[in-house]
Every structure is written in C-alpha cells, then in structure tokens.
Protein backbone atom coordinates (compact mmCIF):
# COMPACT_ATOMS: atom_id res chain seq x y z
CA ALA A 1 0.04 0.09 0.00
CA SER A 2 2.87 2.47 0.82
CA VAL A 3 4.54 1.93 -2.58
CA ILE A 4 1.23 2.67 -4.46
CA ALA A 5 0.61 5.84 -2.28
CA TYR A 6 4.34 6.95 -3.21
CA LEU A 7 3.72 6.51 -6.71
CA HIS A 8 0.47 8.51 -6.45
CA ASP A 9 2.39 11.30 -4.98
CA GLN A 10 5.06 11.51 -7.60
CA PRO A 11 4.72 14.29 -9.96
CA ASP A 12 6.32 12.40 -12.81
CA VAL A 13 3.99 9.43 -12.39
CA ASP A 14 0.73 9.33 -14.23
CA SER A 15 -1.60 7.94 -11.38
CA ASN A 16 -4.18 6.97 -13.91
CA ARG A 17 -1.59 4.30 -15.27
CA ILE A 18 -0.72 2.17 -12.53
CA GLY A 19 -0.52 -1.58 -12.92
CA LEU A 20 0.01 -4.33 -10.40
CA TYR A 21 1.80 -7.72 -11.03
CA GLY A 22 1.36 -10.62 -8.82
CA LYS A 23 3.29 -13.73 -8.98
CA SER A 24 2.70 -17.14 -7.26
CA ALA A 25 1.91 -16.43 -3.60
CA GLY A 26 1.87 -12.69 -4.51
CA THR A 27 -1.33 -12.98 -6.62
CA GLY A 28 -3.71 -13.24 -3.94
CA ILE A 29 -2.54 -10.21 -2.23
CA SER A 30 -2.55 -8.38 -5.61
CA LEU A 31 -6.05 -9.36 -6.09
CA GLU A 32 -7.12 -8.26 -2.59
CA TYR A 33 -5.39 -4.81 -2.94
CA ALA A 34 -6.76 -4.27 -6.37
CA ALA A 35 -10.39 -5.12 -5.31
CA GLY A 36 -10.12 -2.84 -2.29
CA HIS A 37 -8.50 -0.01 -4.13
CA PRO A 38 -10.19 0.24 -7.73
CA ASN A 39 -9.17 3.82 -8.14
CA GLN A 40 -5.57 3.20 -7.37
CA ILE A 41 -4.84 0.34 -9.67
CA GLN A 42 -5.85 0.44 -13.40
CA SER A 43 -4.70 -2.92 -14.56
CA ILE A 44 -3.53 -6.41 -12.96
CA ALA A 45 -1.26 -9.24 -14.50
CA LEU A 46 -1.04 -12.51 -12.59
CA TRP A 47 1.28 -15.31 -13.13
CA GLY A 48 1.05 -18.89 -11.43
CA THR A 49 -1.98 -18.60 -9.37
CA PRO A 50 -3.76 -21.50 -7.80
CA LEU A 51 -7.28 -21.26 -6.31
CA THR A 52 -6.31 -21.12 -2.53
CA TYR A 53 -2.83 -20.82 -1.12
CA SER A 54 -3.78 -21.34 2.45
CA GLN A 55 -5.25 -24.72 1.55
CA TRP A 56 -2.21 -25.60 -0.57
CA PHE A 57 0.40 -24.54 2.10
CA LEU A 58 -1.53 -26.47 4.74
CA SER A 59 -1.67 -29.62 2.52
CA HIS A 60 0.86 -32.34 2.07
CA LYS A 61 1.81 -30.77 -1.30
CA ALA A 62 3.55 -28.08 0.48
CA ASP A 63 5.80 -30.22 2.73
CA ASP A 64 8.44 -30.24 -0.21
CA PHE A 65 8.31 -26.44 -0.31
CA PHE A 66 8.80 -26.14 3.45
CA GLU A 67 11.58 -28.67 3.35
CA HIS A 68 13.33 -26.88 0.66
CA VAL A 69 12.86 -23.44 1.75
CA PHE A 70 12.90 -23.71 5.65
CA TRP A 71 13.33 -26.99 7.20
CA SER A 72 16.62 -27.99 5.41
CA ARG A 73 18.09 -24.85 6.72
CA ASN A 74 17.13 -25.73 10.30
CA ILE A 75 14.46 -22.63 10.15
CA SER A 76 11.54 -23.53 12.33
CA VAL A 77 8.39 -22.42 10.64
CA ASN A 78 4.80 -23.21 11.96
CA LYS A 79 2.66 -23.85 8.83
CA GLU A 80 -0.53 -22.67 10.21
CA ARG A 81 0.90 -19.21 11.31
CA PHE A 82 2.86 -18.99 7.96
CA CYS A 83 -0.55 -19.39 6.05
CA GLN A 84 -2.15 -16.61 8.01
CA HIS A 85 -0.35 -14.18 5.97
CA PHE A 86 -1.82 -15.16 2.66
CA SER A 87 -4.78 -13.98 0.59
CA ASP A 88 -6.49 -16.66 -1.42
CA PRO A 89 -6.90 -15.64 -4.97
CA ILE A 90 -10.46 -17.22 -5.33
CA THR A 91 -11.75 -14.86 -2.51
CA TYR A 92 -10.98 -11.79 -4.41
CA VAL A 93 -10.98 -12.55 -8.21
CA SER A 94 -14.60 -11.77 -8.74
CA GLN A 95 -14.39 -8.27 -6.78
CA VAL A 96 -11.75 -7.00 -9.15
CA THR A 97 -13.10 -4.73 -11.81
CA GLN A 98 -9.97 -3.65 -13.43
CA PRO A 99 -8.59 -5.32 -16.60
CA LEU A 100 -7.14 -8.58 -15.47
CA LEU A 101 -4.72 -11.08 -17.14
CA ILE A 102 -4.22 -14.35 -15.58
CA ALA A 103 -1.21 -16.15 -17.20
CA CYS A 104 0.13 -19.52 -16.40
CA PRO A 105 2.73 -22.17 -17.62
CA ALA A 106 1.45 -25.27 -19.47
CA PRO A 107 3.39 -28.35 -20.48
CA ASP A 108 3.99 -28.68 -24.23
CA PRO A 109 4.06 -32.31 -25.47
CA TYR A 110 5.80 -31.06 -28.79
CA ALA A 111 8.53 -29.05 -27.02
CA PRO A 112 11.29 -30.26 -24.67
CA SER A 113 10.17 -30.53 -21.00
CA PRO A 114 10.86 -27.25 -18.96
CA VAL A 115 13.80 -27.25 -16.63
CA ALA A 116 11.66 -28.92 -13.95
CA PRO A 117 7.95 -29.76 -13.60
CA ASP A 118 5.94 -27.08 -11.74
CA LYS A 119 5.71 -28.55 -8.32
CA TRP A 120 4.11 -25.59 -6.64
CA THR A 121 0.80 -25.44 -8.58
CA THR A 122 -0.76 -27.75 -10.98
CA PRO A 123 -2.30 -26.97 -14.44
CA GLU A 124 -5.73 -28.25 -13.13
CA GLU A 125 -5.73 -25.63 -10.22
CA GLN A 126 -4.84 -22.75 -12.30
CA LEU A 127 -7.33 -23.61 -15.09
CA GLN A 128 -10.14 -23.89 -12.18
CA LEU A 129 -9.17 -20.25 -11.44
CA LEU A 130 -9.04 -19.09 -14.85
CA SER A 131 -12.38 -20.84 -15.48
CA TYR A 132 -13.87 -19.09 -12.38
CA SER A 133 -12.37 -15.71 -13.50
CA ILE A 134 -13.92 -15.88 -16.86
CA GLN A 135 -17.26 -16.73 -15.48
CA SER A 136 -17.35 -13.93 -12.93
CA ARG A 137 -16.00 -11.06 -14.91
CA SER A 138 -14.25 -10.13 -18.23
CA ALA A 139 -10.68 -11.38 -17.90
CA GLN A 140 -7.88 -12.34 -20.45
CA VAL A 141 -6.07 -15.69 -20.20
CA ALA A 142 -2.72 -16.61 -21.50
CA ILE A 143 -0.98 -19.88 -21.34
CA ILE A 144 2.60 -20.07 -22.35
CA LYS A 145 3.50 -23.58 -23.35
CA GLY A 146 6.79 -24.95 -22.08
CA ALA A 147 7.12 -22.20 -19.53
CA VAL A 148 7.61 -23.01 -15.64
CA HIS A 149 6.31 -21.29 -12.56
CA THR A 150 9.56 -19.48 -11.82
CA MET A 151 10.19 -17.49 -14.84
CA TYR A 152 13.93 -16.41 -14.47
CA SER A 153 15.51 -14.36 -17.29
CA ASP A 154 17.89 -17.27 -18.17
CA LEU A 155 14.88 -19.79 -18.82
CA PRO A 156 13.91 -20.55 -22.41
CA LYS A 157 10.41 -18.91 -22.26
CA PHE A 158 11.48 -15.80 -20.34
CA ASP A 159 11.44 -13.45 -23.49
CA GLU A 160 7.87 -14.71 -24.28
CA TYR A 161 6.76 -14.27 -20.56
CA ALA A 162 8.05 -10.80 -20.36
CA GLN A 163 6.73 -9.69 -23.78
CA LEU A 164 3.24 -10.90 -22.64
CA LEU A 165 3.40 -8.71 -19.43
CA VAL A 166 4.88 -5.58 -21.36
CA ASN A 167 2.04 -5.91 -24.20
CA TRP A 168 -0.66 -6.44 -21.51
CA PHE A 169 0.30 -3.26 -19.55
CA GLN A 170 0.85 -1.23 -22.84
CA THR A 171 -2.61 -2.13 -23.75
CA THR A 172 -4.39 -1.60 -20.56
CA LEU A 173 -2.47 1.55 -19.13
CA THR A 174 -3.30 3.99 -22.03
CA PRO A 175 -2.08 7.55 -21.42
CA SER A 176 -4.31 10.01 -19.84
CA SER A 177 -5.72 12.67 -22.18
C-alpha cells in the first residue's frame, strides 16, 4: 500500500496508469489490494495462480516447499501461522473490476520439458481459477507452453513471458488525455 501511495504522490507518475503484477503467492494479495482500491490500480497481471494458497500450504503438497525453503536450513516455521499471511485468489478474483490478465505455464507435448515440472501449482488448479474468473467477469487468459512457475531471465520462455506482460500493460494502461 505504501508503494502505491508513493507512486500516486510522484509528480512524474501518471496515477491513472498504475498496474499491479502478482506472481505465485503474491497473486492473492495483488487481487485483494486491487479489489479494495479500484481507483488506485488500473490493470492487473498474474502469473502462476492456484485457487487457494492457504489450503495449498497447509496440505501435504507444501511439505516439499517447507523442506526446501525452511526445514533443510534448520529454520523453524509453523505452517498454520505462515498461512495466516496469505490472501486466497479465489476470494478476490470476482471483486476485481480492473482489466485482469491471468497467465500460467503449461506443459507442451511437442517441446522439450521445462527445466523442472511445476511442483508448486498444477495446471488443473490454475485452469479452475481461470475458468472461475472468466465466468465471474471479463478477463484475459494466457498460457505459455513450455514455461515454468519460476520465470527467471535465463529460462527458455522468459522473453515470451516478459513480452506478454509488456504488451498487457501497454494495452491496458493507456495514457491520460
């Protein structure tokens, strides 16, 4: 919230052209903020969004995440308390009135496998959210075949991913007249 307020206070920033990007666990909080502040955010783009993070992180699917990120480093984390800080995308997606892009990776049977399968979210979960968002409001969906959940600049589909975001914001954040 303080970053958005800072942007709105800058004389060289067009406060009618502020977009919000959410990735992975940040998609829920991005949707929550945009839904609660429709006059401050004009466009939203999301990447790698499951229906609910709280359920995901509390399930056995998250054990690998907690092991990799915390427990293998001897960092004690209580999963229940950790999940209290997440906003579930499914709770807010229907409340967002701004242009919304929901994008996700998809396996491509005709291309080499991504560096690693997406172990954080499944295509089925992301497609459920995509389907729900389309039914509840106008939204654009994009799927990048062969991409992965973590889109770093050294990955094969990064340029396509980055161009998708650039095109989205250029289209939806038109200059004020």
